[in-house]
Amino acid sequence: MTRLSVNINKVATLRNARGGTIPNVLQVALDCERFGAQGITVHPRPDERHIRYSDVRELRKHIATEFNIEGNPVPSFTELVLEVLPAQVTLVPDAPDVLTSNAGWNVKEHFTFLKDVIARFNDAGIRTSIFTGTDCDNISRAAETGCHRVELYTEPYAAAFAQGEREKAVADFAQAALHASACGLEVNAGHDLNLENLHYFASQVQPLAEVSIGHALIADALYLGLEETIRRYRQQLIV
């Protein structure tokens, strides 16, 4: 069964908007685990506009499920990951000024850089994942870097699904997952997955090891409560 990792960046965004410690990022993470989340994801950016490096260090002391750190492997990020040793690191090519991640890696263009940084993480015993689109040649190159997984960038799927084109929307992702598996990679997915589009995606894109969901899940929790929201997302992953 596909695992659910909850991205808690939006909780930190709300905290930082006012200052102080409300809402408490650590407590929310622990509650997510208690309510059934099988992992916690954070994406610290250099400007620390939501998750701070200090949050990452504190979370690492207490997270009992899988801890996944996403980010662009600039030197400060790489050193943080090697310090806290999460279960997984997901490499994302986001520029410092982007609002949210909006593309996967061009692996051919960045191959040497990715291979070198992945070797450092692999040597430290950290599972590595590369954020990619659905291009199968790009995924083949990702496998050559030595990573363990790719995370498929699912915004194009979500956008097409919302337009009523779900079969067309999912086709490239289903093919990409099969190709990644044939290359020896496991498959994660994330970005704009929600309660409306998640079940169909998970039923069509296999094998699928993990989804990472933050914005939609935290927004749903405002209406449904965190426990019920996580229950519903877990339910969508039963296929």
Protein backbone atom coordinates (compact mmCIF):
# COMPACT_ATOMS: atom_id res chain seq x y z
CA MET A 1 0.00 0.00 0.00
CA THR A 2 1.21 3.48 -0.86
CA ARG A 3 2.44 5.39 2.16
CA LEU A 4 1.28 8.90 3.11
CA SER A 5 3.89 11.46 4.14
CA VAL A 6 2.47 14.76 5.40
CA ASN A 7 4.31 17.92 4.42
CA ILE A 8 4.02 20.37 7.34
CA ASN A 9 5.50 23.44 5.65
CA LYS A 10 2.15 25.26 5.68
CA VAL A 11 1.95 24.88 9.46
CA ALA A 12 5.28 26.68 9.74
CA THR A 13 4.07 29.35 7.29
CA LEU A 14 1.12 30.09 9.59
CA ARG A 15 3.38 30.21 12.64
CA ASN A 16 5.85 32.54 10.97
CA ALA A 17 3.11 34.93 9.86
CA ARG A 18 2.57 35.94 13.49
CA GLY A 19 5.82 34.96 15.14
CA GLY A 20 6.07 32.91 18.30
CA THR A 21 5.29 29.20 18.45
CA ILE A 22 1.60 28.96 17.49
CA PRO A 23 0.82 26.64 15.83
CA ASN A 24 3.50 24.37 17.23
CA VAL A 25 5.23 22.66 14.30
CA LEU A 26 6.60 19.78 16.36
CA GLN A 27 3.26 19.08 18.00
CA VAL A 28 1.49 19.03 14.64
CA ALA A 29 4.07 16.58 13.31
CA LEU A 30 3.61 14.30 16.29
CA ASP A 31 -0.17 14.53 15.93
CA CYS A 32 0.09 13.63 12.25
CA GLU A 33 1.99 10.50 13.21
CA ARG A 34 -0.51 9.68 15.96
CA PHE A 35 -3.39 10.06 13.50
CA GLY A 36 -1.86 7.66 10.98
CA ALA A 37 0.62 9.55 8.79
CA GLN A 38 3.42 7.21 7.79
CA GLY A 39 5.96 9.96 7.33
CA ILE A 40 6.68 13.65 7.83
CA THR A 41 8.05 15.82 5.03
CA VAL A 42 9.65 19.25 5.34
CA HIS A 43 11.12 21.53 2.71
CA PRO A 44 13.48 24.06 4.33
CA ARG A 45 14.45 26.88 1.99
CA PRO A 46 17.49 29.11 2.49
CA ASP A 47 15.35 32.11 3.51
CA GLU A 48 13.54 29.93 6.12
CA ARG A 49 10.22 31.49 5.18
CA HIS A 50 8.37 28.46 6.50
CA ILE A 51 10.30 25.48 7.89
CA ARG A 52 13.48 26.66 9.56
CA TYR A 53 16.72 24.74 9.84
CA SER A 54 16.18 24.73 13.61
CA ASP A 55 12.79 23.06 13.05
CA VAL A 56 14.48 20.31 11.09
CA ARG A 57 16.94 19.65 13.89
CA GLU A 58 14.19 19.55 16.52
CA LEU A 59 11.87 17.36 14.46
CA ARG A 60 14.64 14.84 13.88
CA LYS A 61 14.85 14.22 17.63
CA HIS A 62 11.21 13.22 17.87
CA ILE A 63 9.91 11.86 14.57
CA ALA A 64 9.19 8.15 14.89
CA THR A 65 8.00 7.52 11.32
CA GLU A 66 9.92 8.27 8.13
CA PHE A 67 11.46 11.74 8.01
CA ASN A 68 11.81 13.16 4.49
CA ILE A 69 13.68 16.40 3.82
CA GLU A 70 13.10 18.07 0.44
CA GLY A 71 15.15 20.83 -1.09
CA ASN A 72 17.68 22.13 -3.52
CA PRO A 73 21.05 20.71 -2.45
CA VAL A 74 22.85 23.99 -2.00
CA PRO A 75 25.75 23.70 0.47
CA SER A 76 23.75 24.74 3.56
CA PHE A 77 20.96 22.25 2.75
CA THR A 78 23.40 19.44 2.08
CA GLU A 79 25.22 20.01 5.34
CA LEU A 80 21.92 20.11 7.25
CA VAL A 81 20.82 16.78 5.76
CA LEU A 82 24.16 15.17 6.54
CA GLU A 83 23.90 16.49 10.09
CA VAL A 84 20.40 15.22 10.91
CA LEU A 85 20.45 12.04 8.77
CA PRO A 86 16.79 11.67 7.76
CA ALA A 87 15.41 8.47 6.29
CA GLN A 88 15.05 10.14 2.89
CA VAL A 89 16.23 13.25 1.09
CA THR A 90 14.33 14.47 -1.98
CA LEU A 91 16.32 16.71 -4.31
CA VAL A 92 14.23 19.51 -5.81
CA PRO A 93 15.59 22.11 -8.29
CA ASP A 94 13.71 25.09 -6.91
CA ALA A 95 15.25 28.55 -7.19
CA PRO A 96 15.37 30.61 -3.97
CA ASP A 97 12.67 33.02 -5.17
CA VAL A 98 10.00 30.54 -6.30
CA LEU A 99 6.76 30.37 -4.34
CA THR A 100 6.59 26.59 -4.54
CA SER A 101 8.34 23.85 -6.51
CA ASN A 102 7.28 24.02 -10.14
CA ALA A 103 9.44 21.60 -12.14
CA GLY A 104 11.55 18.51 -11.92
CA TRP A 105 15.26 18.16 -12.66
CA ASN A 106 16.74 18.09 -16.13
CA VAL A 107 18.99 15.24 -15.08
CA LYS A 108 21.20 15.29 -18.17
CA GLU A 109 22.05 18.95 -17.62
CA HIS A 110 22.83 18.49 -13.91
CA PHE A 111 24.04 14.89 -14.02
CA THR A 112 27.50 15.31 -12.49
CA PHE A 113 26.24 17.58 -9.74
CA LEU A 114 23.40 15.21 -8.83
CA LYS A 115 25.60 12.12 -8.94
CA ASP A 116 28.15 13.71 -6.63
CA VAL A 117 25.68 14.93 -4.03
CA ILE A 118 23.72 11.67 -4.14
CA ALA A 119 26.93 9.75 -3.48
CA ARG A 120 27.47 11.81 -0.33
CA PHE A 121 23.95 11.08 0.90
CA ASN A 122 24.16 7.40 -0.02
CA ASP A 123 27.44 7.08 1.86
CA ALA A 124 25.65 8.48 4.92
CA GLY A 125 22.92 5.82 4.64
CA ILE A 126 20.18 8.21 3.47
CA ARG A 127 17.71 7.07 0.83
CA THR A 128 17.80 9.51 -2.09
CA SER A 129 15.00 10.63 -4.39
CA ILE A 130 15.09 12.98 -7.40
CA PHE A 131 12.11 15.22 -8.24
CA THR A 132 11.32 14.65 -11.93
CA GLY A 133 8.71 14.94 -14.62
CA THR A 134 7.42 11.97 -16.60
CA ASP A 135 10.00 11.91 -19.42
CA CYS A 136 11.29 8.34 -19.50
CA ASP A 137 14.74 9.24 -20.85
CA ASN A 138 15.15 11.68 -17.96
CA ILE A 139 14.11 8.97 -15.50
CA SER A 140 16.65 6.58 -17.03
CA ARG A 141 19.36 9.17 -16.44
CA ALA A 142 18.13 9.61 -12.86
CA ALA A 143 18.72 5.92 -12.27
CA GLU A 144 22.31 6.37 -13.43
CA THR A 145 22.99 8.94 -10.70
CA GLY A 146 22.71 6.26 -8.03
CA CYS A 147 19.45 7.50 -6.49
CA HIS A 148 16.94 5.07 -5.02
CA ARG A 149 13.70 6.77 -6.07
CA VAL A 150 12.18 9.44 -8.25
CA GLU A 151 9.35 11.67 -7.09
CA LEU A 152 6.97 12.49 -9.94
CA TYR A 153 5.89 16.13 -10.09
CA THR A 154 2.10 15.80 -10.26
CA GLU A 155 0.88 19.36 -10.88
CA PRO A 156 0.21 18.62 -14.59
CA TYR A 157 -1.91 15.62 -13.57
CA ALA A 158 -3.88 17.67 -11.03
CA ALA A 159 -4.53 20.46 -13.52
CA ALA A 160 -5.79 18.11 -16.23
CA PHE A 161 -7.83 16.08 -13.74
CA ALA A 162 -9.63 19.26 -12.68
CA GLN A 163 -10.58 19.81 -16.33
CA GLY A 164 -12.26 16.40 -16.49
CA GLU A 165 -9.49 14.68 -18.48
CA ARG A 166 -8.42 12.12 -15.94
CA GLU A 167 -7.49 9.30 -18.33
CA LYS A 168 -5.34 11.61 -20.43
CA ALA A 169 -3.98 13.24 -17.29
CA VAL A 170 -2.69 10.04 -15.75
CA ALA A 171 -1.35 8.23 -18.81
CA ASP A 172 2.17 9.69 -18.79
CA PHE A 173 2.48 9.14 -15.05
CA ALA A 174 1.46 5.50 -15.29
CA GLN A 175 4.04 4.96 -18.03
CA ALA A 176 6.70 6.82 -16.05
CA ALA A 177 6.13 4.70 -12.95
CA LEU A 178 6.46 1.48 -14.92
CA HIS A 179 9.62 2.74 -16.60
CA ALA A 180 11.13 3.85 -13.28
CA SER A 181 10.43 0.43 -11.80
CA ALA A 182 12.07 -1.22 -14.80
CA CYS A 183 15.12 0.98 -14.13
CA GLY A 184 15.28 -0.32 -10.57
CA LEU A 185 13.80 2.80 -8.98
CA GLU A 186 10.94 3.14 -6.55
CA VAL A 187 8.38 5.86 -7.22
CA ASN A 188 7.08 8.69 -5.04
CA ALA A 189 4.70 11.44 -6.13
CA GLY A 190 3.63 14.87 -4.98
CA HIS A 191 2.33 18.35 -5.76
CA ASP A 192 -1.34 19.35 -5.89
CA LEU A 193 -2.63 15.89 -4.97
CA ASN A 194 -5.85 16.16 -2.96
CA LEU A 195 -8.94 14.26 -1.82
CA GLU A 196 -10.55 14.59 -5.25
CA ASN A 197 -7.71 13.34 -7.45
CA LEU A 198 -5.60 11.11 -5.21
CA HIS A 199 -7.49 7.82 -5.40
CA TYR A 200 -7.59 7.73 -9.17
CA PHE A 201 -3.90 8.58 -9.37
CA ALA A 202 -2.93 5.87 -6.89
CA SER A 203 -5.11 3.30 -8.66
CA GLN A 204 -3.51 3.98 -12.04
CA VAL A 205 0.11 4.77 -11.19
CA GLN A 206 1.78 1.66 -9.87
CA PRO A 207 4.07 0.76 -8.30
CA LEU A 208 3.77 3.83 -6.08
CA ALA A 209 5.73 3.78 -2.84
CA GLU A 210 4.79 7.12 -1.29
CA VAL A 211 2.90 10.35 -1.79
CA SER A 212 3.89 13.59 -0.07
CA ILE A 213 0.99 15.98 0.47
CA GLY A 214 1.00 19.29 2.29
CA HIS A 215 -1.00 22.28 1.06
CA ALA A 216 -4.29 20.52 0.30
CA LEU A 217 -4.11 18.29 3.37
CA ILE A 218 -3.48 21.14 5.79
CA ALA A 219 -6.24 23.20 4.13
CA ASP A 220 -8.67 20.29 4.45
CA ALA A 221 -7.75 19.96 8.12
CA LEU A 222 -9.12 23.46 8.75
CA TYR A 223 -12.57 22.11 7.89
CA LEU A 224 -12.37 18.44 8.80
CA GLY A 225 -9.85 18.38 11.63
CA LEU A 226 -6.39 16.86 11.30
CA GLU A 227 -7.29 13.35 12.43
CA GLU A 228 -10.25 12.97 10.07
CA THR A 229 -8.29 14.51 7.19
CA ILE A 230 -5.42 12.05 7.54
CA ARG A 231 -7.91 9.19 7.79
CA ARG A 232 -9.53 10.28 4.53
CA TYR A 233 -6.22 10.64 2.70
CA ARG A 234 -5.11 7.21 3.87
CA GLN A 235 -8.44 5.84 2.62
CA GLN A 236 -7.81 7.27 -0.85
CA LEU A 237 -4.61 5.26 -1.07
CA ILE A 238 -6.39 1.92 -0.69
CA VAL A 239 -6.56 0.56 -4.25
